[in-house]
Amino acid sequence: MPWLCQCVLLVFLGAPSLDRLIEILEQEDDSPLSKLKRRLIDRTQIISVVSSLVVGVTVAFLSTPPPTDFAAWNHEIPYFCIACSSGSAMLAVTSGLGQAMYLNAVRPESARWLRKSKMKLAVVATLLMVPITFLCVSTFFTLFAWLGAVWLGSRTWMKLLMTIGCLAFPLTLLVIFAALY
């Protein structure tokens, strides 16, 4: 399934393959490199804003009692998931800062280092993928928190709506990946 690998690399790395990333870095014309840097920095800024909002909402959820019995937010499972979501969001912001620092320092000659050292290539690819990865982890923990809180709550209609929502989530991801490929 090479299309899945290309799609995952495009979403998480910003390029369809590691070879394409190195080609962009090697080009003497600064335009493709500038476009890639701009795209990754814009994405990192969005991740930072979204992650910061997640942290703020998490603090609100963790520090106030639940207003209704529709969802059991004070149960261990949702509480743990919300805390993990917040931690992942903070890691997304922190790694995004590291990514922005790297992107400001990268030059076309950086590609030579990446071609020479597979370890350096792996580290750079990881750095470029980590912010969006942590944001995805935060999203999944938030989904599990909602799922746990609703299923531990007392309303059947909310359980039904949450189940339908959980079915829609993977379909939405499938549509996104299909549109990118």
N, C-alpha and C. Protein backbone atom coordinates (compact mmCIF):
# COMPACT_ATOMS: atom_id res chain seq x y z
N MET A 1 0.81 -1.18 0.00
CA MET A 1 0.00 0.00 0.00
C MET A 1 0.87 1.26 0.00
N PRO A 2 1.58 1.50 -1.11
CA PRO A 2 2.42 2.69 -1.18
C PRO A 2 1.61 3.99 -1.14
N TRP A 3 0.37 3.96 -1.60
CA TRP A 3 -0.46 5.17 -1.55
C TRP A 3 -0.72 5.59 -0.11
N LEU A 4 -0.88 4.63 0.80
CA LEU A 4 -1.11 4.96 2.21
C LEU A 4 0.14 5.59 2.81
N CYS A 5 1.30 5.03 2.47
CA CYS A 5 2.57 5.58 2.95
C CYS A 5 2.76 7.01 2.45
N GLN A 6 2.48 7.25 1.17
CA GLN A 6 2.59 8.60 0.61
C GLN A 6 1.63 9.56 1.29
N CYS A 7 0.42 9.09 1.54
CA CYS A 7 -0.58 9.95 2.16
C CYS A 7 -0.18 10.30 3.59
N VAL A 8 0.29 9.31 4.34
CA VAL A 8 0.71 9.55 5.72
C VAL A 8 1.90 10.51 5.74
N LEU A 9 2.88 10.29 4.86
CA LEU A 9 4.03 11.20 4.81
C LEU A 9 3.61 12.61 4.40
N LEU A 10 2.67 12.71 3.48
CA LEU A 10 2.20 14.03 3.05
C LEU A 10 1.53 14.77 4.22
N VAL A 11 0.70 14.06 4.98
CA VAL A 11 0.00 14.67 6.10
C VAL A 11 0.98 15.02 7.23
N PHE A 12 1.83 14.08 7.59
CA PHE A 12 2.68 14.27 8.76
C PHE A 12 3.99 14.98 8.46
N LEU A 13 4.49 14.86 7.24
CA LEU A 13 5.80 15.40 6.91
C LEU A 13 5.73 16.63 6.01
N GLY A 14 4.69 16.75 5.22
CA GLY A 14 4.56 17.88 4.31
C GLY A 14 5.11 17.59 2.92
N ALA A 15 5.63 16.37 2.71
CA ALA A 15 6.14 15.95 1.41
C ALA A 15 5.71 14.49 1.21
N PRO A 16 5.49 14.06 -0.05
CA PRO A 16 5.00 12.69 -0.28
C PRO A 16 6.01 11.59 0.02
N SER A 17 7.28 11.94 0.15
CA SER A 17 8.30 10.94 0.49
C SER A 17 9.54 11.64 1.05
N LEU A 18 10.39 10.86 1.69
CA LEU A 18 11.64 11.43 2.21
C LEU A 18 12.55 11.86 1.07
N ASP A 19 12.55 11.09 -0.03
CA ASP A 19 13.37 11.47 -1.19
C ASP A 19 12.92 12.81 -1.76
N ARG A 20 11.60 13.02 -1.82
CA ARG A 20 11.09 14.30 -2.34
C ARG A 20 11.48 15.44 -1.41
N LEU A 21 11.46 15.19 -0.11
CA LEU A 21 11.88 16.21 0.85
C LEU A 21 13.35 16.59 0.61
N ILE A 22 14.20 15.60 0.40
CA ILE A 22 15.63 15.88 0.16
C ILE A 22 15.80 16.61 -1.17
N GLU A 23 15.02 16.22 -2.20
CA GLU A 23 15.09 16.92 -3.48
C GLU A 23 14.74 18.39 -3.33
N ILE A 24 13.72 18.67 -2.55
CA ILE A 24 13.32 20.07 -2.32
C ILE A 24 14.44 20.82 -1.62
N LEU A 25 15.08 20.17 -0.65
CA LEU A 25 16.17 20.82 0.08
C LEU A 25 17.39 21.06 -0.81
N GLU A 26 17.63 20.16 -1.77
CA GLU A 26 18.82 20.26 -2.62
C GLU A 26 18.71 21.31 -3.72
N GLN A 27 17.53 21.70 -4.09
CA GLN A 27 17.36 22.62 -5.21
C GLN A 27 18.02 23.96 -4.91
N GLU A 28 18.75 24.43 -5.90
CA GLU A 28 19.42 25.73 -5.76
C GLU A 28 18.41 26.86 -5.73
N ASP A 29 17.33 26.68 -6.50
CA ASP A 29 16.24 27.66 -6.49
C ASP A 29 15.58 27.59 -5.11
N ASP A 30 15.53 28.69 -4.42
CA ASP A 30 15.02 28.72 -3.06
C ASP A 30 13.50 28.65 -3.00
N SER A 31 12.81 28.76 -4.14
CA SER A 31 11.36 28.82 -4.14
C SER A 31 10.68 27.57 -3.57
N PRO A 32 11.02 26.34 -4.03
CA PRO A 32 10.35 25.17 -3.45
C PRO A 32 10.64 25.01 -1.95
N LEU A 33 11.87 25.30 -1.55
CA LEU A 33 12.22 25.22 -0.13
C LEU A 33 11.44 26.26 0.67
N SER A 34 11.34 27.46 0.13
CA SER A 34 10.58 28.51 0.82
C SER A 34 9.11 28.14 0.94
N LYS A 35 8.56 27.54 -0.12
CA LYS A 35 7.15 27.13 -0.07
C LYS A 35 6.94 26.04 0.97
N LEU A 36 7.85 25.05 1.02
CA LEU A 36 7.73 23.98 2.00
C LEU A 36 7.86 24.54 3.42
N LYS A 37 8.84 25.40 3.62
CA LYS A 37 9.02 26.01 4.95
C LYS A 37 7.78 26.79 5.36
N ARG A 38 7.25 27.59 4.44
CA ARG A 38 6.07 28.39 4.75
C ARG A 38 4.88 27.49 5.11
N ARG A 39 4.71 26.42 4.31
CA ARG A 39 3.60 25.50 4.56
C ARG A 39 3.73 24.83 5.92
N LEU A 40 4.94 24.38 6.25
CA LEU A 40 5.16 23.72 7.54
C LEU A 40 5.05 24.71 8.70
N ILE A 41 5.55 25.91 8.53
CA ILE A 41 5.45 26.91 9.60
C ILE A 41 3.98 27.31 9.80
N ASP A 42 3.23 27.48 8.71
CA ASP A 42 1.80 27.80 8.84
C ASP A 42 1.07 26.68 9.58
N ARG A 43 1.39 25.45 9.22
CA ARG A 43 0.76 24.30 9.88
C ARG A 43 1.12 24.28 11.36
N THR A 44 2.37 24.57 11.68
CA THR A 44 2.82 24.59 13.07
C THR A 44 2.11 25.68 13.86
N GLN A 45 1.89 26.83 13.23
CA GLN A 45 1.16 27.90 13.92
C GLN A 45 -0.27 27.47 14.23
N ILE A 46 -0.91 26.82 13.29
CA ILE A 46 -2.28 26.34 13.51
C ILE A 46 -2.29 25.30 14.63
N ILE A 47 -1.33 24.38 14.59
CA ILE A 47 -1.24 23.36 15.63
C ILE A 47 -1.04 24.02 17.00
N SER A 48 -0.22 25.04 17.06
CA SER A 48 0.03 25.72 18.33
C SER A 48 -1.24 26.38 18.87
N VAL A 49 -1.99 27.03 17.99
CA VAL A 49 -3.23 27.68 18.43
C VAL A 49 -4.24 26.63 18.91
N VAL A 50 -4.44 25.60 18.11
CA VAL A 50 -5.40 24.56 18.47
C VAL A 50 -4.97 23.87 19.77
N SER A 51 -3.71 23.55 19.89
CA SER A 51 -3.22 22.88 21.10
C SER A 51 -3.37 23.77 22.33
N SER A 52 -3.11 25.03 22.18
CA SER A 52 -3.27 25.96 23.30
C SER A 52 -4.73 26.03 23.73
N LEU A 53 -5.64 26.01 22.77
CA LEU A 53 -7.06 25.99 23.11
C LEU A 53 -7.44 24.70 23.83
N VAL A 54 -6.88 23.59 23.39
CA VAL A 54 -7.14 22.31 24.05
C VAL A 54 -6.69 22.35 25.50
N VAL A 55 -5.52 22.92 25.75
CA VAL A 55 -5.02 23.01 27.12
C VAL A 55 -5.96 23.87 27.98
N GLY A 56 -6.40 25.00 27.44
CA GLY A 56 -7.32 25.86 28.19
C GLY A 56 -8.64 25.18 28.51
N VAL A 57 -9.20 24.50 27.54
CA VAL A 57 -10.46 23.79 27.75
C VAL A 57 -10.25 22.66 28.76
N THR A 58 -9.12 21.99 28.68
CA THR A 58 -8.83 20.91 29.61
C THR A 58 -8.78 21.41 31.04
N VAL A 59 -8.14 22.53 31.24
CA VAL A 59 -8.08 23.11 32.59
C VAL A 59 -9.49 23.40 33.09
N ALA A 60 -10.34 23.92 32.23
CA ALA A 60 -11.72 24.20 32.62
C ALA A 60 -12.47 22.92 33.00
N PHE A 61 -12.30 21.87 32.20
CA PHE A 61 -12.98 20.60 32.49
C PHE A 61 -12.46 19.98 33.79
N LEU A 62 -11.15 20.03 33.99
CA LEU A 62 -10.58 19.36 35.16
C LEU A 62 -10.81 20.13 36.46
N SER A 63 -11.10 21.41 36.36
CA SER A 63 -11.21 22.21 37.58
C SER A 63 -12.64 22.55 37.98
N THR A 64 -13.64 22.10 37.22
CA THR A 64 -15.02 22.39 37.58
C THR A 64 -15.82 21.09 37.71
N PRO A 65 -16.80 21.07 38.60
CA PRO A 65 -17.64 19.87 38.72
C PRO A 65 -18.56 19.75 37.51
N PRO A 66 -18.94 18.53 37.14
CA PRO A 66 -19.83 18.37 35.99
C PRO A 66 -21.20 18.99 36.29
N PRO A 67 -21.76 19.74 35.32
CA PRO A 67 -23.03 20.43 35.56
C PRO A 67 -24.25 19.51 35.50
N THR A 68 -24.14 18.39 34.81
CA THR A 68 -25.28 17.47 34.68
C THR A 68 -24.79 16.04 34.83
N ASP A 69 -25.74 15.11 34.84
CA ASP A 69 -25.36 13.70 34.89
C ASP A 69 -25.37 13.07 33.49
N PHE A 70 -25.46 13.90 32.45
CA PHE A 70 -25.43 13.39 31.08
C PHE A 70 -24.12 12.66 30.80
N ALA A 71 -23.05 13.21 31.31
CA ALA A 71 -21.72 12.63 31.10
C ALA A 71 -20.99 12.63 32.44
N ALA A 72 -20.28 11.56 32.69
CA ALA A 72 -19.57 11.39 33.97
C ALA A 72 -18.13 11.85 33.83
N TRP A 73 -17.94 13.17 33.79
CA TRP A 73 -16.60 13.71 33.62
C TRP A 73 -15.71 13.46 34.83
N ASN A 74 -16.32 13.26 36.00
CA ASN A 74 -15.52 13.07 37.20
C ASN A 74 -15.08 11.62 37.41
N HIS A 75 -15.42 10.75 36.49
CA HIS A 75 -14.95 9.36 36.55
C HIS A 75 -13.47 9.31 36.15
N GLU A 76 -12.76 8.29 36.59
CA GLU A 76 -11.32 8.19 36.33
C GLU A 76 -10.96 8.16 34.85
N ILE A 77 -11.71 7.41 34.06
CA ILE A 77 -11.35 7.22 32.64
C ILE A 77 -11.40 8.53 31.86
N PRO A 78 -12.51 9.27 31.87
CA PRO A 78 -12.51 10.54 31.13
C PRO A 78 -11.50 11.54 31.70
N TYR A 79 -11.37 11.54 33.01
CA TYR A 79 -10.43 12.47 33.65
C TYR A 79 -9.00 12.18 33.19
N PHE A 80 -8.64 10.91 33.18
CA PHE A 80 -7.30 10.49 32.72
C PHE A 80 -7.10 10.86 31.24
N CYS A 81 -8.12 10.59 30.42
CA CYS A 81 -8.00 10.90 28.98
C CYS A 81 -7.87 12.39 28.73
N ILE A 82 -8.60 13.20 29.49
CA ILE A 82 -8.49 14.65 29.32
C ILE A 82 -7.10 15.12 29.71
N ALA A 83 -6.58 14.57 30.80
CA ALA A 83 -5.23 14.95 31.22
C ALA A 83 -4.19 14.54 30.16
N CYS A 84 -4.35 13.36 29.59
CA CYS A 84 -3.43 12.92 28.52
C CYS A 84 -3.56 13.79 27.28
N SER A 85 -4.78 14.19 26.97
CA SER A 85 -5.01 15.08 25.83
C SER A 85 -4.29 16.40 26.03
N SER A 86 -4.39 16.93 27.22
CA SER A 86 -3.72 18.20 27.53
C SER A 86 -2.21 18.04 27.42
N GLY A 87 -1.67 16.96 27.98
CA GLY A 87 -0.23 16.73 27.88
C GLY A 87 0.24 16.60 26.44
N SER A 88 -0.52 15.88 25.63
CA SER A 88 -0.16 15.73 24.21
C SER A 88 -0.24 17.07 23.49
N ALA A 89 -1.21 17.88 23.84
CA ALA A 89 -1.33 19.21 23.21
C ALA A 89 -0.13 20.08 23.57
N MET A 90 0.30 20.01 24.83
CA MET A 90 1.49 20.78 25.23
C MET A 90 2.74 20.29 24.50
N LEU A 91 2.84 18.97 24.31
CA LEU A 91 3.98 18.43 23.56
C LEU A 91 3.91 18.86 22.09
N ALA A 92 2.71 18.99 21.54
CA ALA A 92 2.57 19.48 20.16
C ALA A 92 3.09 20.90 20.05
N VAL A 93 2.76 21.73 21.02
CA VAL A 93 3.24 23.12 21.00
C VAL A 93 4.76 23.16 21.14
N THR A 94 5.29 22.40 22.09
CA THR A 94 6.74 22.38 22.32
C THR A 94 7.50 21.86 21.10
N SER A 95 7.03 20.76 20.54
CA SER A 95 7.72 20.21 19.36
C SER A 95 7.54 21.12 18.15
N GLY A 96 6.42 21.83 18.08
CA GLY A 96 6.22 22.81 17.01
C GLY A 96 7.23 23.94 17.08
N LEU A 97 7.55 24.34 18.30
CA LEU A 97 8.59 25.36 18.48
C LEU A 97 9.93 24.85 17.98
N GLY A 98 10.25 23.60 18.30
CA GLY A 98 11.50 23.00 17.81
C GLY A 98 11.51 22.90 16.30
N GLN A 99 10.36 22.54 15.72
CA GLN A 99 10.25 22.46 14.27
C GLN A 99 10.46 23.83 13.63
N ALA A 100 9.88 24.86 14.19
CA ALA A 100 10.04 26.21 13.65
C ALA A 100 11.50 26.65 13.72
N MET A 101 12.18 26.32 14.81
CA MET A 101 13.61 26.66 14.92
C MET A 101 14.42 25.94 13.86
N TYR A 102 14.12 24.66 13.63
CA TYR A 102 14.85 23.91 12.60
C TYR A 102 14.57 24.51 11.21
N LEU A 103 13.31 24.80 10.92
CA LEU A 103 12.96 25.33 9.59
C LEU A 103 13.60 26.68 9.33
N ASN A 104 13.79 27.47 10.37
CA ASN A 104 14.47 28.76 10.18
C ASN A 104 15.96 28.58 9.92
N ALA A 105 16.52 27.47 10.36
CA ALA A 105 17.96 27.24 10.19
C ALA A 105 18.30 26.42 8.94
N VAL A 106 17.33 25.71 8.36
CA VAL A 106 17.63 24.81 7.24
C VAL A 106 17.97 25.60 5.98
N ARG A 107 18.96 25.10 5.27
CA ARG A 107 19.43 25.69 4.01
C ARG A 107 19.57 24.58 2.97
N PRO A 108 19.71 24.92 1.68
CA PRO A 108 19.86 23.88 0.67
C PRO A 108 21.03 22.92 0.94
N GLU A 109 22.10 23.41 1.55
CA GLU A 109 23.23 22.52 1.84
C GLU A 109 22.92 21.51 2.95
N SER A 110 21.83 21.71 3.65
CA SER A 110 21.42 20.75 4.68
C SER A 110 21.10 19.40 4.08
N ALA A 111 20.71 19.37 2.81
CA ALA A 111 20.37 18.11 2.15
C ALA A 111 21.56 17.18 2.06
N ARG A 112 22.76 17.73 1.93
CA ARG A 112 23.95 16.88 1.88
C ARG A 112 24.11 16.10 3.18
N TRP A 113 23.84 16.75 4.29
CA TRP A 113 23.94 16.06 5.58
C TRP A 113 22.89 14.96 5.68
N LEU A 114 21.71 15.23 5.15
CA LEU A 114 20.65 14.23 5.21
C LEU A 114 20.94 13.04 4.32
N ARG A 115 21.56 13.28 3.17
CA ARG A 115 21.93 12.18 2.27
C ARG A 115 23.04 11.31 2.87
N LYS A 116 23.95 11.94 3.63
CA LYS A 116 25.09 11.21 4.20
C LYS A 116 24.70 10.38 5.43
N SER A 117 23.77 10.86 6.21
CA SER A 117 23.45 10.20 7.48
C SER A 117 21.98 9.83 7.55
N LYS A 118 21.73 8.52 7.57
CA LYS A 118 20.35 8.04 7.71
C LYS A 118 19.80 8.43 9.09
N MET A 119 20.68 8.49 10.07
CA MET A 119 20.25 8.88 11.42
C MET A 119 19.76 10.32 11.42
N LYS A 120 20.51 11.20 10.78
CA LYS A 120 20.12 12.61 10.69
C LYS A 120 18.79 12.75 9.94
N LEU A 121 18.62 11.98 8.87
CA LEU A 121 17.39 11.99 8.10
C LEU A 121 16.21 11.53 8.97
N ALA A 122 16.42 10.49 9.74
CA ALA A 122 15.37 9.98 10.63
C ALA A 122 15.01 11.02 11.69
N VAL A 123 16.01 11.70 12.23
CA VAL A 123 15.76 12.71 13.26
C VAL A 123 14.98 13.89 12.67
N VAL A 124 15.37 14.35 11.49
CA VAL A 124 14.68 15.48 10.86
C VAL A 124 13.25 15.09 10.49
N ALA A 125 13.07 13.90 9.92
CA ALA A 125 11.72 13.45 9.56
C ALA A 125 10.85 13.35 10.81
N THR A 126 11.42 12.85 11.89
CA THR A 126 10.68 12.75 13.15
C THR A 126 10.30 14.13 13.65
N LEU A 127 11.25 15.06 13.63
CA LEU A 127 10.97 16.42 14.08
C LEU A 127 9.84 17.06 13.27
N LEU A 128 9.82 16.82 11.98
CA LEU A 128 8.79 17.40 11.13
C LEU A 128 7.42 16.75 11.36
N MET A 129 7.41 15.50 11.80
CA MET A 129 6.14 14.78 12.00
C MET A 129 5.58 14.90 13.41
N VAL A 130 6.41 15.22 14.38
CA VAL A 130 5.99 15.15 15.78
C VAL A 130 4.86 16.12 16.15
N PRO A 131 4.86 17.39 15.73
CA PRO A 131 3.75 18.26 16.16
C PRO A 131 2.37 17.76 15.75
N ILE A 132 2.23 17.36 14.51
CA ILE A 132 0.91 16.88 14.06
C ILE A 132 0.59 15.54 14.70
N THR A 133 1.62 14.73 14.97
CA THR A 133 1.39 13.45 15.64
C THR A 133 0.83 13.67 17.04
N PHE A 134 1.44 14.57 17.80
CA PHE A 134 0.95 14.85 19.15
C PHE A 134 -0.45 15.47 19.11
N LEU A 135 -0.73 16.29 18.11
CA LEU A 135 -2.08 16.86 18.00
C LEU A 135 -3.10 15.75 17.71
N CYS A 136 -2.72 14.78 16.87
CA CYS A 136 -3.61 13.64 16.61
C CYS A 136 -3.82 12.81 17.87
N VAL A 137 -2.76 12.58 18.63
CA VAL A 137 -2.88 11.84 19.89
C VAL A 137 -3.81 12.58 20.84
N SER A 138 -3.66 13.90 20.91
CA SER A 138 -4.53 14.71 21.75
C SER A 138 -5.99 14.58 21.31
N THR A 139 -6.21 14.59 20.01
CA THR A 139 -7.57 14.44 19.48
C THR A 139 -8.17 13.09 19.85
N PHE A 140 -7.38 12.02 19.73
CA PHE A 140 -7.89 10.70 20.07
C PHE A 140 -8.19 10.59 21.56
N PHE A 141 -7.33 11.15 22.42
CA PHE A 141 -7.61 11.13 23.85
C PHE A 141 -8.87 11.92 24.18
N THR A 142 -9.07 13.04 23.49
CA THR A 142 -10.29 13.82 23.70
C THR A 142 -11.52 13.01 23.29
N LEU A 143 -11.43 12.33 22.16
CA LEU A 143 -12.53 11.47 21.71
C LEU A 143 -12.80 10.37 22.73
N PHE A 144 -11.75 9.73 23.25
CA PHE A 144 -11.94 8.68 24.25
C PHE A 144 -12.52 9.24 25.54
N ALA A 145 -12.13 10.46 25.91
CA ALA A 145 -12.70 11.09 27.11
C ALA A 145 -14.19 11.30 26.94
N TRP A 146 -14.58 11.85 25.78
CA TRP A 146 -16.00 12.05 25.52
C TRP A 146 -16.75 10.71 25.52
N LEU A 147 -16.18 9.74 24.85
CA LEU A 147 -16.81 8.43 24.77
C LEU A 147 -16.98 7.82 26.16
N GLY A 148 -15.92 7.87 26.96
CA GLY A 148 -15.99 7.32 28.31
C GLY A 148 -16.98 8.06 29.18
N ALA A 149 -16.96 9.39 29.12
CA ALA A 149 -17.85 10.19 29.96
C ALA A 149 -19.32 9.95 29.60
N VAL A 150 -19.61 9.87 28.32
CA VAL A 150 -20.99 9.66 27.90
C VAL A 150 -21.45 8.25 28.25
N TRP A 151 -20.61 7.25 28.00
CA TRP A 151 -21.01 5.87 28.28
C TRP A 151 -21.10 5.61 29.78
N LEU A 152 -20.39 6.36 30.58
CA LEU A 152 -20.51 6.23 32.04
C LEU A 152 -21.64 7.10 32.59
N GLY A 153 -22.23 7.94 31.74
CA GLY A 153 -23.33 8.82 32.14
C GLY A 153 -24.65 8.07 32.14
N SER A 154 -25.74 8.84 32.24
CA SER A 154 -27.04 8.21 32.46
C SER A 154 -28.04 8.36 31.31
N ARG A 155 -27.65 8.91 30.18
CA ARG A 155 -28.60 9.17 29.10
C ARG A 155 -28.35 8.26 27.90
N THR A 156 -29.37 7.46 27.57
CA THR A 156 -29.27 6.53 26.44
C THR A 156 -29.15 7.27 25.12
N TRP A 157 -29.90 8.35 24.94
CA TRP A 157 -29.87 9.08 23.68
C TRP A 157 -28.49 9.67 23.42
N MET A 158 -27.78 10.06 24.48
CA MET A 158 -26.41 10.58 24.29
C MET A 158 -25.46 9.45 23.90
N LYS A 159 -25.68 8.28 24.46
CA LYS A 159 -24.86 7.12 24.10
C LYS A 159 -25.04 6.78 22.63
N LEU A 160 -26.29 6.87 22.15
CA LEU A 160 -26.57 6.61 20.74
C LEU A 160 -25.89 7.65 19.85
N LEU A 161 -26.02 8.92 20.21
CA LEU A 161 -25.38 9.98 19.42
C LEU A 161 -23.86 9.83 19.42
N MET A 162 -23.28 9.48 20.55
CA MET A 162 -21.83 9.30 20.63
C MET A 162 -21.39 8.12 19.77
N THR A 163 -22.16 7.06 19.76
CA THR A 163 -21.84 5.90 18.92
C THR A 163 -21.86 6.28 17.44
N ILE A 164 -22.87 7.03 17.03
CA ILE A 164 -22.95 7.50 15.64
C ILE A 164 -21.77 8.41 15.32
N GLY A 165 -21.43 9.29 16.26
CA GLY A 165 -20.28 10.17 16.07
C GLY A 165 -18.98 9.40 15.94
N CYS A 166 -18.85 8.34 16.72
CA CYS A 166 -17.63 7.52 16.65
C CYS A 166 -17.53 6.78 15.33
N LEU A 167 -18.66 6.44 14.75
CA LEU A 167 -18.66 5.81 13.43
C LEU A 167 -18.32 6.82 12.34
N ALA A 168 -18.73 8.06 12.54
CA ALA A 168 -18.46 9.10 11.54
C ALA A 168 -17.00 9.52 11.55
N PHE A 169 -16.33 9.42 12.68
CA PHE A 169 -14.94 9.87 12.80
C PHE A 169 -13.99 9.13 11.85
N PRO A 170 -13.95 7.77 11.85
CA PRO A 170 -13.05 7.11 10.91
C PRO A 170 -13.42 7.34 9.45
N LEU A 171 -14.71 7.49 9.18
CA LEU A 171 -15.13 7.79 7.81
C LEU A 171 -14.62 9.16 7.37
N THR A 172 -14.63 10.11 8.28
CA THR A 172 -14.10 11.44 7.98
C THR A 172 -12.61 11.37 7.68
N LEU A 173 -11.87 10.61 8.49
CA LEU A 173 -10.43 10.43 8.24
C LEU A 173 -10.19 9.77 6.89
N LEU A 174 -10.99 8.79 6.56
CA LEU A 174 -10.87 8.11 5.27
C LEU A 174 -11.08 9.08 4.12
N VAL A 175 -12.08 9.94 4.22
CA VAL A 175 -12.34 10.94 3.18
C VAL A 175 -11.17 11.91 3.06
N ILE A 176 -10.60 12.32 4.19
CA ILE A 176 -9.45 13.23 4.15
C ILE A 176 -8.27 12.57 3.44
N PHE A 177 -7.95 11.32 3.83
CA PHE A 177 -6.83 10.63 3.20
C PHE A 177 -7.10 10.39 1.70
N ALA A 178 -8.33 10.04 1.35
CA ALA A 178 -8.67 9.82 -0.06
C ALA A 178 -8.53 11.11 -0.86
N ALA A 179 -8.92 12.24 -0.26
CA ALA A 179 -8.81 13.51 -0.97
C ALA A 179 -7.35 13.92 -1.15
N LEU A 180 -6.50 13.58 -0.19
CA LEU A 180 -5.09 13.96 -0.30
C LEU A 180 -4.35 13.10 -1.31
N TYR A 181 -4.78 11.88 -1.51
CA TYR A 181 -4.08 11.02 -2.46
C TYR A 181 -4.67 11.20 -3.79
